[in-house]
Amino acid sequence: MSSHLGTGAETTPAPPSGSSWESTTDDTDAGRDGGGKLGSVFWASIGISTVVVAWAVLFTDNLNRVTNASLNWVTATFGWAYLVVTLAILIFLVFLAFSPAGDIRLGEDSDRPEFSTVTWFAMILSAVMGIGLVSYGVAEPISHLATPPHGLAEPNTPAAAVRALQYSYFDWGLHAWAIFAVFGLAIAYSTFRKGRRTLVSQLFVPLLGDRVNGPIGKAIDVLAVFATLFGTTTSLGLGALQVNNGLGTLFGVPVNSVSQVLIIAAVTSIFTLSAVTGVSKGIKFLSQGSTLLAVALFVFMLVVGPTVFLANLYIESVGQWATDFFRMSLQGTAFGGLEWMQWWTYFMMAWWVSWGAFVGVFLARISRGRTIRGFIMGVLVVPSVVFFTWFTVFGGTAIHVDLFEDGDIAKQTAADINSAFFATLDHFPFAGITSAIAILLVVMFFVSGADANTYVLSMMTSDGSLTPRRWVLILWGVLTGVTAVVLMLAGGLNALQNTVIVTSLPFLVIIAGLAVSFWKELSTDRKEKTGVTPRSSS
């Protein structure tokens, strides 16, 4: 790797030319063999991933014991770090947005956004608005209704309903998007304004200088790959569970590991093929189609569901969320509740951390020319509002069914968390059609998201090349699917959640470090621009 002084425009990614992530990678997807140096980052990442797969296959019980013990140690000892770091990043971003640095553009001063604001918002939502919304859109609120967080309400009461949505907002709102935003900002600034390669290690040039080209930088990139891989496999696993449950509801397909492995294998083949052969029009269709289906399903539920109840519940829950914001943000496990935090808050935050590099690269590549202020406000506010609304409509509808219509959605969810969404749809007209749409929606999110992740993993292990070799794309596609399969067989959802929490901890430190590095670079650049020379350390 060369220093940023020698990387110039030839290594700066061109701005996207389409309306989705896939359209930003048309050159990569064109089926051409690319390039990029395959050095120690590539081989170390492949080696470690292969070891984990072999460990899961050959020593399954040992893997489960180690990951369980590691999970308990990580969350009991460092669980507070997830809370503190994410809140600190959120505060930093808000401060940055309203500081003079907010006027700086992500690119040259003359650059202007390529996409309209509405299109940009739609693209942001397409980055993460995926499997999780179907997996947890009902499952989390209805679970909190039956078991209110931290004992803050009696189960299955109106107070529990408000708390259920309040904590769903917390898990899927500002904190998650703060992680994505700080990554996206740092990558966009480093790539478009400083001309560096699209690698996580390059974000640390202000702190480490040329050492980012040595072992420290390579270790950072390996950790980025490792975290991204397990974030992706968790999504693949959740997607397989959702599809399997939906197919079981509609067609009586057995809900078991065999079905889930076949689903992962089929989807892995599709997204790997798309990443290699560049079926860009098809992938664009998937991205746009999944958004339209999500909107259609949302409008349907809003119309046939308890609309007035949902509006009132939304207002009250947002008020409770805002009132308790800082208490929730810093509520740890000093007096118990570790298991609940492992299953919900710690897992969610670890999941967001593991997705940070992938979503950050995506956000950076669609945001060239925007100001730091505009980027922060757009990435933090709009997706959070959309997610709050989705959880209110679907989760709130399930809550209404259980509280006022003698439903048993919470009971079904406790037996199988992946049944929650389909159990809710069963209470309304056209359940077969809406369930089929939900399955199709998950598959579409499944393919388009995994395709993009395969590209990012290949790029990060090809020295930041925007055109990774075809066989590298295939290798990462296959390895992602295989890792998801072996973890599913090793312990199902528990194994996926345990692994993503344990593997995300080192990357949490990297996120905190890149925020510090980004602020240092901003401060230095502003001083140089205003003619104030930083005092020499010598």
Protein backbone atom coordinates (compact mmCIF):
# COMPACT_ATOMS: atom_id res chain seq x y z
CA MET A 1 0.00 0.00 0.00
CA SER A 2 1.15 3.49 -0.73
CA SER A 3 0.46 6.51 1.35
CA HIS A 4 -2.43 8.79 0.48
CA LEU A 5 -0.01 11.23 -1.09
CA GLY A 6 0.55 8.85 -3.96
CA THR A 7 -2.93 7.51 -4.52
CA GLY A 8 -4.48 10.47 -6.30
CA ALA A 9 -7.42 10.46 -8.58
CA GLU A 10 -6.63 7.14 -10.16
CA THR A 11 -7.70 5.34 -7.01
CA THR A 12 -10.69 7.54 -6.24
CA PRO A 13 -13.98 5.76 -6.92
CA ALA A 14 -16.13 7.36 -9.54
CA PRO A 15 -19.46 8.63 -8.27
CA PRO A 16 -22.40 6.29 -8.79
CA SER A 17 -24.42 6.63 -11.93
CA GLY A 18 -27.62 4.85 -11.04
CA SER A 19 -30.25 4.71 -8.37
CA SER A 20 -29.11 1.81 -6.23
CA TRP A 21 -26.04 0.22 -4.75
CA GLU A 22 -25.91 -2.16 -7.65
CA SER A 23 -25.81 0.68 -10.11
CA THR A 24 -22.73 2.03 -8.41
CA THR A 25 -20.91 -1.19 -9.21
CA ASP A 26 -21.77 -1.56 -12.87
CA ASP A 27 -18.11 -1.55 -13.83
CA THR A 28 -17.46 -4.30 -11.38
CA ASP A 29 -20.54 -6.21 -12.40
CA ALA A 30 -19.76 -6.07 -16.07
CA GLY A 31 -18.15 -9.47 -15.90
CA ARG A 32 -14.62 -8.17 -16.43
CA ASP A 33 -11.72 -9.50 -14.45
CA GLY A 34 -10.55 -6.72 -12.20
CA GLY A 35 -7.43 -6.22 -10.21
CA GLY A 36 -6.17 -5.15 -6.87
CA LYS A 37 -3.30 -6.49 -4.91
CA LEU A 38 -4.06 -9.74 -3.08
CA GLY A 39 -1.74 -9.38 -0.14
CA SER A 40 -1.70 -10.36 3.49
CA VAL A 41 -5.16 -8.89 4.17
CA PHE A 42 -6.71 -11.26 1.63
CA TRP A 43 -4.86 -14.36 2.78
CA ALA A 44 -5.28 -13.64 6.50
CA SER A 45 -9.02 -13.00 6.05
CA ILE A 46 -9.52 -16.18 4.02
CA GLY A 47 -7.40 -18.18 6.45
CA ILE A 48 -9.21 -17.02 9.59
CA SER A 49 -12.63 -17.50 7.98
CA THR A 50 -11.68 -21.00 6.86
CA VAL A 51 -10.50 -21.88 10.36
CA VAL A 52 -13.84 -20.75 11.81
CA VAL A 53 -15.75 -22.84 9.27
CA ALA A 54 -13.59 -25.90 9.98
CA TRP A 55 -14.00 -25.33 13.72
CA ALA A 56 -17.78 -25.21 13.38
CA VAL A 57 -17.84 -28.38 11.28
CA LEU A 58 -15.32 -30.51 13.16
CA PHE A 59 -15.71 -29.30 16.73
CA THR A 60 -19.28 -28.01 16.92
CA ASP A 61 -19.76 -28.53 20.65
CA ASN A 62 -16.45 -26.89 21.42
CA LEU A 63 -17.35 -23.89 19.22
CA ASN A 64 -20.64 -23.46 21.05
CA ARG A 65 -18.97 -23.67 24.45
CA VAL A 66 -16.29 -21.16 23.49
CA THR A 67 -18.70 -18.70 21.87
CA ASN A 68 -21.12 -18.93 24.80
CA ALA A 69 -18.33 -18.35 27.31
CA SER A 70 -16.92 -15.53 25.16
CA LEU A 71 -20.35 -13.97 24.84
CA ASN A 72 -20.88 -13.93 28.58
CA TRP A 73 -17.42 -12.49 29.20
CA VAL A 74 -17.66 -9.85 26.46
CA THR A 75 -21.11 -8.62 27.44
CA ALA A 76 -20.54 -8.75 31.20
CA THR A 77 -17.15 -7.02 30.96
CA PHE A 78 -17.50 -4.71 27.97
CA GLY A 79 -21.23 -4.47 27.31
CA TRP A 80 -21.16 -0.91 28.60
CA ALA A 81 -18.70 -0.03 25.83
CA TYR A 82 -21.37 -0.59 23.16
CA LEU A 83 -23.62 1.88 24.98
CA VAL A 84 -20.97 4.52 25.64
CA VAL A 85 -19.28 4.41 22.23
CA THR A 86 -22.49 4.58 20.20
CA LEU A 87 -23.88 7.43 22.30
CA ALA A 88 -20.57 9.30 22.10
CA ILE A 89 -20.55 8.93 18.31
CA LEU A 90 -24.12 10.20 18.10
CA ILE A 91 -23.28 13.26 20.20
CA PHE A 92 -20.14 13.84 18.12
CA LEU A 93 -22.16 13.76 14.89
CA VAL A 94 -24.78 16.19 16.19
CA PHE A 95 -22.01 18.54 17.35
CA LEU A 96 -20.29 18.23 13.98
CA ALA A 97 -23.49 18.97 12.07
CA PHE A 98 -23.98 22.28 13.86
CA SER A 99 -20.30 23.27 13.89
CA PRO A 100 -18.57 25.29 11.14
CA ALA A 101 -17.22 21.98 9.82
CA GLY A 102 -20.77 21.15 8.77
CA ASP A 103 -20.32 23.34 5.70
CA ILE A 104 -17.46 21.21 4.33
CA ARG A 105 -18.33 19.20 1.25
CA LEU A 106 -17.57 15.52 0.84
CA GLY A 107 -15.38 16.08 -2.18
CA GLU A 108 -13.99 19.17 -3.81
CA ASP A 109 -15.49 22.51 -2.79
CA SER A 110 -17.00 22.79 -6.27
CA ASP A 111 -18.66 19.35 -6.15
CA ARG A 112 -22.44 19.16 -5.89
CA PRO A 113 -24.67 16.14 -5.15
CA GLU A 114 -25.33 13.93 -8.16
CA PHE A 115 -28.68 12.74 -6.84
CA SER A 116 -31.75 14.67 -5.80
CA THR A 117 -32.49 14.64 -2.09
CA VAL A 118 -35.53 12.39 -2.52
CA THR A 119 -33.55 9.88 -4.59
CA TRP A 120 -30.71 10.03 -2.09
CA PHE A 121 -33.08 9.23 0.79
CA ALA A 122 -34.50 6.28 -1.14
CA MET A 123 -30.99 4.95 -1.75
CA ILE A 124 -30.07 5.31 1.94
CA LEU A 125 -33.10 3.30 2.97
CA SER A 126 -32.29 0.59 0.43
CA ALA A 127 -28.95 0.02 2.17
CA VAL A 128 -30.31 -1.39 5.41
CA MET A 129 -34.08 -1.61 4.96
CA GLY A 130 -33.93 -5.34 4.53
CA ILE A 131 -34.35 -8.67 6.20
CA GLY A 132 -34.33 -7.18 9.70
CA LEU A 133 -37.58 -5.31 9.13
CA VAL A 134 -39.43 -8.54 8.42
CA SER A 135 -37.50 -10.54 11.02
CA TYR A 136 -38.00 -8.04 13.83
CA GLY A 137 -40.75 -5.64 12.69
CA VAL A 138 -43.26 -7.68 14.70
CA ALA A 139 -41.02 -10.01 16.70
CA GLU A 140 -39.31 -7.36 18.80
CA PRO A 141 -42.35 -5.26 19.83
CA ILE A 142 -44.53 -8.30 20.56
CA SER A 143 -41.73 -9.94 22.55
CA HIS A 144 -41.32 -6.78 24.63
CA LEU A 145 -45.09 -6.70 25.20
CA ALA A 146 -44.96 -10.15 26.76
CA THR A 147 -41.67 -9.49 28.59
CA PRO A 148 -41.29 -5.73 29.12
CA PRO A 149 -37.69 -4.46 29.08
CA HIS A 150 -36.04 -4.15 32.49
CA GLY A 151 -39.35 -4.82 34.24
CA LEU A 152 -40.61 -1.33 33.41
CA ALA A 153 -44.25 -2.47 33.03
CA GLU A 154 -46.55 -5.37 33.73
CA PRO A 155 -46.68 -7.85 30.83
CA ASN A 156 -49.48 -7.51 28.28
CA THR A 157 -50.68 -4.10 29.45
CA PRO A 158 -51.02 -0.72 27.71
CA ALA A 159 -47.89 0.46 29.52
CA ALA A 160 -46.01 -2.58 28.20
CA ALA A 161 -47.19 -1.74 24.66
CA VAL A 162 -45.62 1.72 24.88
CA ARG A 163 -42.41 0.33 26.34
CA ALA A 164 -42.32 -2.32 23.61
CA LEU A 165 -42.21 0.25 20.83
CA GLN A 166 -39.98 2.60 22.81
CA TYR A 167 -37.22 0.00 23.00
CA SER A 168 -37.77 -1.09 19.40
CA TYR A 169 -37.14 2.53 18.40
CA PHE A 170 -34.00 2.53 20.51
CA ASP A 171 -32.62 -0.63 18.91
CA TRP A 172 -33.35 0.45 15.33
CA GLY A 173 -33.02 4.23 15.49
CA LEU A 174 -30.42 6.92 15.97
CA HIS A 175 -27.70 4.77 17.54
CA ALA A 176 -27.62 2.35 14.60
CA TRP A 177 -27.54 5.13 12.03
CA ALA A 178 -24.87 7.01 13.97
CA ILE A 179 -22.53 4.04 13.45
CA PHE A 180 -23.28 4.01 9.73
CA ALA A 181 -23.02 7.79 9.45
CA VAL A 182 -19.60 8.12 11.07
CA PHE A 183 -18.25 5.39 8.80
CA GLY A 184 -19.80 6.95 5.72
CA LEU A 185 -18.50 10.41 6.60
CA ALA A 186 -14.97 9.21 7.27
CA ILE A 187 -14.84 7.10 4.09
CA ALA A 188 -16.32 9.85 1.88
CA TYR A 189 -13.95 12.48 3.26
CA SER A 190 -10.91 10.20 2.99
CA THR A 191 -11.77 9.00 -0.52
CA PHE A 192 -13.31 12.00 -2.24
CA ARG A 193 -11.51 14.87 -0.51
CA LYS A 194 -8.14 13.31 0.30
CA GLY A 195 -7.84 10.86 -2.61
CA ARG A 196 -7.13 7.74 -0.57
CA ARG A 197 -8.14 4.17 -1.30
CA THR A 198 -11.46 2.84 -0.06
CA LEU A 199 -10.04 0.89 2.86
CA VAL A 200 -10.86 1.18 6.55
CA SER A 201 -7.16 1.40 7.40
CA GLN A 202 -6.85 4.57 5.29
CA LEU A 203 -9.21 6.34 7.68
CA PHE A 204 -6.46 6.23 10.31
CA VAL A 205 -3.84 8.18 8.36
CA PRO A 206 -4.36 11.28 10.58
CA LEU A 207 -3.56 9.18 13.67
CA LEU A 208 -1.08 6.61 12.39
CA GLY A 209 0.49 8.22 9.33
CA ASP A 210 2.35 5.81 7.06
CA ARG A 211 1.94 3.06 9.65
CA VAL A 212 -1.48 2.38 8.09
CA ASN A 213 0.49 0.74 5.26
CA GLY A 214 2.14 -1.69 7.67
CA PRO A 215 0.98 -4.46 10.01
CA ILE A 216 -1.31 -2.17 12.06
CA GLY A 217 -3.25 -1.06 8.98
CA LYS A 218 -3.49 -4.59 7.67
CA ALA A 219 -4.85 -5.78 11.03
CA ILE A 220 -7.51 -3.06 10.89
CA ASP A 221 -8.57 -4.18 7.41
CA VAL A 222 -8.70 -7.83 8.45
CA LEU A 223 -10.93 -6.93 11.40
CA ALA A 224 -13.16 -4.95 9.03
CA VAL A 225 -13.50 -7.98 6.76
CA PHE A 226 -14.13 -10.31 9.68
CA ALA A 227 -16.84 -8.09 11.18
CA THR A 228 -18.52 -7.58 7.80
CA LEU A 229 -18.50 -11.31 7.07
CA PHE A 230 -20.27 -12.23 10.30
CA GLY A 231 -22.72 -9.38 9.99
CA THR A 232 -23.64 -10.75 6.57
CA THR A 233 -23.89 -14.36 7.71
CA THR A 234 -26.23 -13.30 10.51
CA SER A 235 -28.50 -11.63 7.96
CA LEU A 236 -28.35 -14.71 5.73
CA GLY A 237 -29.27 -16.92 8.64
CA LEU A 238 -32.19 -14.72 9.66
CA GLY A 239 -33.36 -14.56 6.06
CA ALA A 240 -33.29 -18.35 5.74
CA LEU A 241 -35.29 -18.72 8.95
CA GLN A 242 -37.89 -16.22 7.73
CA VAL A 243 -38.24 -17.78 4.28
CA ASN A 244 -38.44 -21.26 5.76
CA ASN A 245 -41.14 -20.20 8.22
CA GLY A 246 -43.13 -18.45 5.52
CA LEU A 247 -42.94 -21.43 3.18
CA GLY A 248 -43.99 -23.65 6.07
CA THR A 249 -47.03 -21.45 6.69
CA LEU A 250 -48.07 -21.35 3.03
CA PHE A 251 -47.05 -24.72 1.65
CA GLY A 252 -46.26 -26.92 4.63
CA VAL A 253 -42.52 -26.98 3.90
CA PRO A 254 -40.76 -28.52 6.95
CA VAL A 255 -39.22 -25.89 9.21
CA ASN A 256 -35.88 -27.53 9.88
CA SER A 257 -32.16 -27.24 9.25
CA VAL A 258 -32.33 -29.12 5.93
CA SER A 259 -34.77 -26.60 4.46
CA GLN A 260 -32.73 -23.69 5.79
CA VAL A 261 -29.48 -25.03 4.33
CA LEU A 262 -31.15 -25.49 0.94
CA ILE A 263 -32.50 -21.93 1.09
CA ILE A 264 -29.09 -20.48 1.94
CA ALA A 265 -27.46 -22.56 -0.81
CA ALA A 266 -29.98 -21.38 -3.42
CA VAL A 267 -29.70 -17.72 -2.46
CA THR A 268 -25.90 -17.90 -2.24
CA SER A 269 -25.80 -19.24 -5.79
CA ILE A 270 -27.98 -16.38 -7.01
CA PHE A 271 -26.15 -13.51 -5.34
CA THR A 272 -22.71 -14.92 -6.19
CA LEU A 273 -23.73 -15.32 -9.83
CA SER A 274 -25.08 -11.78 -9.91
CA ALA A 275 -21.88 -10.37 -8.39
CA VAL A 276 -19.75 -12.18 -10.97
CA THR A 277 -21.76 -11.94 -14.18
CA GLY A 278 -23.14 -8.49 -13.56
CA VAL A 279 -26.84 -8.91 -14.06
CA SER A 280 -27.06 -5.24 -13.15
CA LYS A 281 -30.54 -4.68 -14.58
CA GLY A 282 -31.87 -7.65 -12.66
CA ILE A 283 -30.31 -6.49 -9.42
CA LYS A 284 -31.62 -2.97 -9.96
CA PHE A 285 -35.04 -4.51 -10.43
CA LEU A 286 -34.65 -6.40 -7.16
CA SER A 287 -33.70 -3.25 -5.27
CA GLN A 288 -36.49 -1.15 -6.73
CA GLY A 289 -38.99 -3.99 -6.57
CA SER A 290 -38.26 -4.75 -2.93
CA THR A 291 -38.85 -1.10 -2.03
CA LEU A 292 -42.19 -1.07 -3.88
CA LEU A 293 -43.28 -4.32 -2.23
CA ALA A 294 -42.32 -3.01 1.21
CA VAL A 295 -44.32 0.17 0.63
CA ALA A 296 -47.31 -1.82 -0.65
CA LEU A 297 -47.26 -4.16 2.35
CA PHE A 298 -46.92 -1.18 4.68
CA VAL A 299 -49.88 0.66 3.14
CA PHE A 300 -52.00 -2.50 3.20
CA MET A 301 -51.41 -3.03 6.91
CA LEU A 302 -51.98 0.65 7.66
CA VAL A 303 -55.35 0.50 5.90
CA VAL A 304 -56.68 -2.82 7.23
CA GLY A 305 -55.08 -2.46 10.66
CA PRO A 306 -56.21 -0.38 13.65
CA THR A 307 -55.12 2.92 12.10
CA VAL A 308 -56.34 5.31 14.81
CA PHE A 309 -54.88 3.12 17.53
CA LEU A 310 -51.55 3.03 15.71
CA ALA A 311 -51.46 6.83 15.37
CA ASN A 312 -52.06 7.29 19.09
CA LEU A 313 -49.59 4.57 20.02
CA TYR A 314 -46.97 6.13 17.74
CA ILE A 315 -47.22 9.54 19.39
CA GLU A 316 -47.13 8.16 22.92
CA SER A 317 -44.26 5.77 22.21
CA VAL A 318 -42.15 8.46 20.52
CA GLY A 319 -42.77 10.70 23.52
CA GLN A 320 -41.65 7.96 25.92
CA TRP A 321 -38.59 7.26 23.75
CA ALA A 322 -37.61 10.93 23.74
CA THR A 323 -38.18 11.31 27.47
CA ASP A 324 -36.07 8.28 28.37
CA PHE A 325 -33.49 8.68 25.62
CA PHE A 326 -30.35 9.12 27.72
CA ARG A 327 -31.48 6.64 30.38
CA MET A 328 -31.96 3.97 27.72
CA SER A 329 -28.70 4.91 26.04
CA LEU A 330 -26.71 4.21 29.20
CA GLN A 331 -28.75 1.53 30.96
CA GLY A 332 -26.44 -1.40 31.57
CA THR A 333 -26.52 -4.56 33.66
CA ALA A 334 -25.21 -3.49 37.05
CA PHE A 335 -28.32 -4.96 38.69
CA GLY A 336 -29.03 -7.83 36.34
CA GLY A 337 -30.72 -8.23 32.99
CA LEU A 338 -27.63 -9.46 31.14
CA GLU A 339 -29.48 -12.21 29.26
CA TRP A 340 -32.12 -9.77 28.01
CA MET A 341 -29.43 -7.33 26.86
CA GLN A 342 -27.57 -10.14 25.06
CA TRP A 343 -30.72 -11.11 23.20
CA TRP A 344 -31.71 -7.55 22.27
CA THR A 345 -29.70 -4.36 22.85
CA TYR A 346 -26.16 -5.78 22.81
CA PHE A 347 -26.94 -8.01 19.84
CA MET A 348 -28.52 -5.17 17.87
CA MET A 349 -25.62 -2.81 18.52
CA ALA A 350 -23.08 -5.49 17.65
CA TRP A 351 -24.99 -6.19 14.44
CA TRP A 352 -24.88 -2.51 13.49
CA VAL A 353 -21.17 -2.37 14.26
CA SER A 354 -20.52 -5.39 12.04
CA TRP A 355 -22.43 -3.74 9.18
CA GLY A 356 -20.62 -0.41 9.63
CA ALA A 357 -17.96 -0.85 6.95
CA PHE A 358 -20.37 -2.14 4.28
CA VAL A 359 -23.04 0.52 4.84
CA GLY A 360 -20.36 3.19 5.26
CA VAL A 361 -18.88 2.43 1.83
CA PHE A 362 -22.37 2.52 0.31
CA LEU A 363 -23.30 5.83 1.96
CA ALA A 364 -20.00 7.37 0.93
CA ARG A 365 -20.37 6.40 -2.72
CA ILE A 366 -23.83 7.96 -3.06
CA SER A 367 -23.04 11.14 -1.11
CA ARG A 368 -20.21 12.83 -2.95
CA GLY A 369 -20.76 16.59 -3.07
CA ARG A 370 -23.04 16.79 -0.04
CA THR A 371 -22.09 18.86 2.96
CA ILE A 372 -21.20 17.18 6.23
CA ARG A 373 -24.25 18.81 7.82
CA GLY A 374 -26.62 17.61 5.12
CA PHE A 375 -25.16 14.11 5.22
CA ILE A 376 -25.48 13.78 9.00
CA MET A 377 -29.03 15.12 9.21
CA GLY A 378 -30.19 13.00 6.29
CA VAL A 379 -28.61 9.75 7.46
CA LEU A 380 -29.66 10.12 11.10
CA VAL A 381 -33.18 11.49 10.88
CA VAL A 382 -34.98 10.14 7.81
CA PRO A 383 -34.16 6.41 8.18
CA SER A 384 -34.93 6.55 11.92
CA VAL A 385 -38.39 8.02 11.24
CA VAL A 386 -39.07 5.38 8.57
CA PHE A 387 -38.01 2.56 10.87
CA PHE A 388 -40.08 3.95 13.77
CA THR A 389 -43.11 4.07 11.49
CA TRP A 390 -42.61 0.53 10.18
CA PHE A 391 -42.29 -0.92 13.69
CA THR A 392 -45.35 1.00 14.84
CA VAL A 393 -47.57 -0.20 12.00
CA PHE A 394 -46.58 -3.87 12.08
CA GLY A 395 -45.57 -4.27 15.71
CA GLY A 396 -48.41 -2.03 16.91
CA THR A 397 -50.93 -4.03 14.89
CA ALA A 398 -49.71 -7.28 16.50
CA ILE A 399 -49.95 -5.63 19.92
CA HIS A 400 -53.55 -4.58 19.19
CA VAL A 401 -54.45 -8.12 18.12
CA ASP A 402 -53.08 -9.60 21.33
CA LEU A 403 -54.44 -6.96 23.70
CA PHE A 404 -57.91 -6.44 22.24
CA GLU A 405 -58.69 -9.33 19.91
CA ASP A 406 -57.63 -12.32 22.04
CA GLY A 407 -54.71 -13.05 19.74
CA ASP A 408 -51.76 -15.29 20.56
CA ILE A 409 -49.03 -13.71 18.45
CA ALA A 410 -46.77 -13.23 21.48
CA LYS A 411 -47.22 -16.90 22.37
CA GLN A 412 -46.35 -18.02 18.83
CA THR A 413 -43.36 -15.69 18.81
CA ALA A 414 -42.07 -17.12 22.08
CA ALA A 415 -42.24 -20.60 20.53
CA ASP A 416 -40.58 -19.48 17.28
CA ILE A 417 -39.48 -15.87 16.89
CA ASN A 418 -39.47 -16.23 13.11
CA SER A 419 -43.22 -16.85 13.03
CA ALA A 420 -44.18 -13.39 14.33
CA PHE A 421 -44.61 -11.57 11.03
CA PHE A 422 -46.62 -14.32 9.38
CA ALA A 423 -48.72 -14.87 12.52
CA THR A 424 -49.74 -11.20 12.33
CA LEU A 425 -50.63 -11.36 8.64
CA ASP A 426 -52.85 -14.37 9.36
CA HIS A 427 -55.25 -12.12 11.27
CA PHE A 428 -56.08 -10.00 8.22
CA PRO A 429 -57.60 -10.48 4.76
CA PHE A 430 -55.60 -11.99 1.93
CA ALA A 431 -53.18 -13.63 4.38
CA GLY A 432 -51.92 -16.06 1.73
CA ILE A 433 -51.12 -13.24 -0.69
CA THR A 434 -49.50 -10.97 1.90
CA SER A 435 -47.46 -13.86 3.29
CA ALA A 436 -46.23 -14.68 -0.21
CA ILE A 437 -45.30 -11.01 -0.68
CA ALA A 438 -43.42 -11.05 2.62
CA ILE A 439 -41.47 -14.15 1.56
CA LEU A 440 -40.66 -12.58 -1.81
CA LEU A 441 -39.62 -9.39 -0.04
CA VAL A 442 -37.19 -11.27 2.20
CA VAL A 443 -35.70 -13.12 -0.78
CA MET A 444 -35.24 -9.88 -2.72
CA PHE A 445 -33.58 -8.17 0.24
CA PHE A 446 -31.60 -11.37 0.74
CA VAL A 447 -30.13 -11.39 -2.76
CA SER A 448 -29.50 -7.68 -3.30
CA GLY A 449 -27.94 -7.15 0.15
CA ALA A 450 -25.70 -10.21 -0.02
CA ASP A 451 -24.62 -9.32 -3.55
CA ALA A 452 -23.44 -5.91 -2.37
CA ASN A 453 -21.72 -7.43 0.66
CA THR A 454 -19.86 -9.88 -1.54
CA TYR A 455 -18.55 -6.98 -3.60
CA VAL A 456 -17.46 -5.03 -0.49
CA LEU A 457 -15.66 -8.03 1.01
CA SER A 458 -13.87 -8.57 -2.30
CA MET A 459 -12.98 -4.90 -2.58
CA MET A 460 -11.60 -4.72 0.97
CA THR A 461 -9.40 -7.76 0.38
CA SER A 462 -8.21 -6.50 -3.04
CA ASP A 463 -6.41 -3.40 -1.73
CA GLY A 464 -9.52 -1.27 -2.25
CA SER A 465 -9.85 -2.11 -5.96
CA LEU A 466 -13.25 -1.20 -7.42
CA THR A 467 -12.98 -4.10 -9.87
CA PRO A 468 -12.09 -7.20 -7.83
CA ARG A 469 -11.13 -10.35 -9.70
CA ARG A 470 -13.99 -12.60 -10.71
CA TRP A 471 -12.69 -15.56 -8.73
CA VAL A 472 -12.33 -13.41 -5.62
CA LEU A 473 -16.00 -12.47 -5.87
CA ILE A 474 -16.92 -16.14 -6.23
CA LEU A 475 -14.74 -17.12 -3.30
CA TRP A 476 -16.30 -14.57 -0.94
CA GLY A 477 -19.80 -15.40 -2.10
CA VAL A 478 -19.29 -19.09 -1.44
CA LEU A 479 -17.48 -18.51 1.85
CA THR A 480 -20.27 -16.23 3.07
CA GLY A 481 -22.90 -18.86 2.32
CA VAL A 482 -20.84 -21.69 3.82
CA THR A 483 -20.18 -19.71 7.00
CA ALA A 484 -23.90 -19.00 7.38
CA VAL A 485 -24.72 -22.69 6.90
CA VAL A 486 -22.21 -24.04 9.40
CA LEU A 487 -23.22 -21.52 12.06
CA MET A 488 -26.89 -22.33 11.49
CA LEU A 489 -26.16 -26.03 11.90
CA ALA A 490 -23.96 -25.38 14.90
CA GLY A 491 -26.60 -23.60 16.92
CA GLY A 492 -29.17 -21.77 14.84
CA LEU A 493 -30.09 -18.20 15.74
CA ASN A 494 -28.24 -18.37 19.06
CA ALA A 495 -24.97 -19.24 17.32
CA LEU A 496 -25.42 -16.40 14.84
CA GLN A 497 -26.15 -13.86 17.56
CA ASN A 498 -23.33 -15.06 19.81
CA THR A 499 -20.80 -14.92 17.00
CA VAL A 500 -21.73 -11.45 15.78
CA ILE A 501 -21.46 -10.01 19.31
CA VAL A 502 -18.09 -11.60 20.04
CA THR A 503 -16.53 -10.72 16.67
CA SER A 504 -17.81 -7.13 16.70
CA LEU A 505 -16.03 -6.05 19.90
CA PRO A 506 -12.61 -5.35 18.33
CA PHE A 507 -14.34 -3.47 15.54
CA LEU A 508 -16.11 -1.29 18.10
CA VAL A 509 -12.67 -0.03 19.13
CA ILE A 510 -11.89 0.70 15.47
CA ILE A 511 -15.09 2.74 15.10
CA ALA A 512 -14.19 4.83 18.14
CA GLY A 513 -10.69 5.32 16.74
CA LEU A 514 -11.86 6.39 13.29
CA ALA A 515 -14.16 8.99 14.85
CA VAL A 516 -11.17 10.47 16.69
CA SER A 517 -9.04 10.29 13.55
CA PHE A 518 -11.73 11.96 11.45
CA TRP A 519 -12.10 14.82 13.93
CA LYS A 520 -8.34 15.31 14.03
CA GLU A 521 -8.18 15.52 10.25
CA LEU A 522 -11.09 17.96 10.08
CA SER A 523 -9.48 20.18 12.70
CA THR A 524 -6.13 20.15 10.91
CA ASP A 525 -7.67 20.89 7.52
CA ARG A 526 -9.76 23.76 8.88
CA LYS A 527 -6.74 25.32 10.57
CA GLU A 528 -4.75 25.09 7.36
CA LYS A 529 -7.60 26.60 5.35
CA THR A 530 -7.99 29.53 7.73
CA GLY A 531 -4.25 30.09 7.88
CA VAL A 532 -3.80 28.89 11.46
CA THR A 533 -0.79 26.60 11.53
CA PRO A 534 -1.01 23.81 14.11
CA ARG A 535 1.70 24.04 16.74
CA SER A 536 4.55 21.67 16.03
CA SER A 537 4.86 18.72 18.38
CA SER A 538 8.60 19.16 18.36
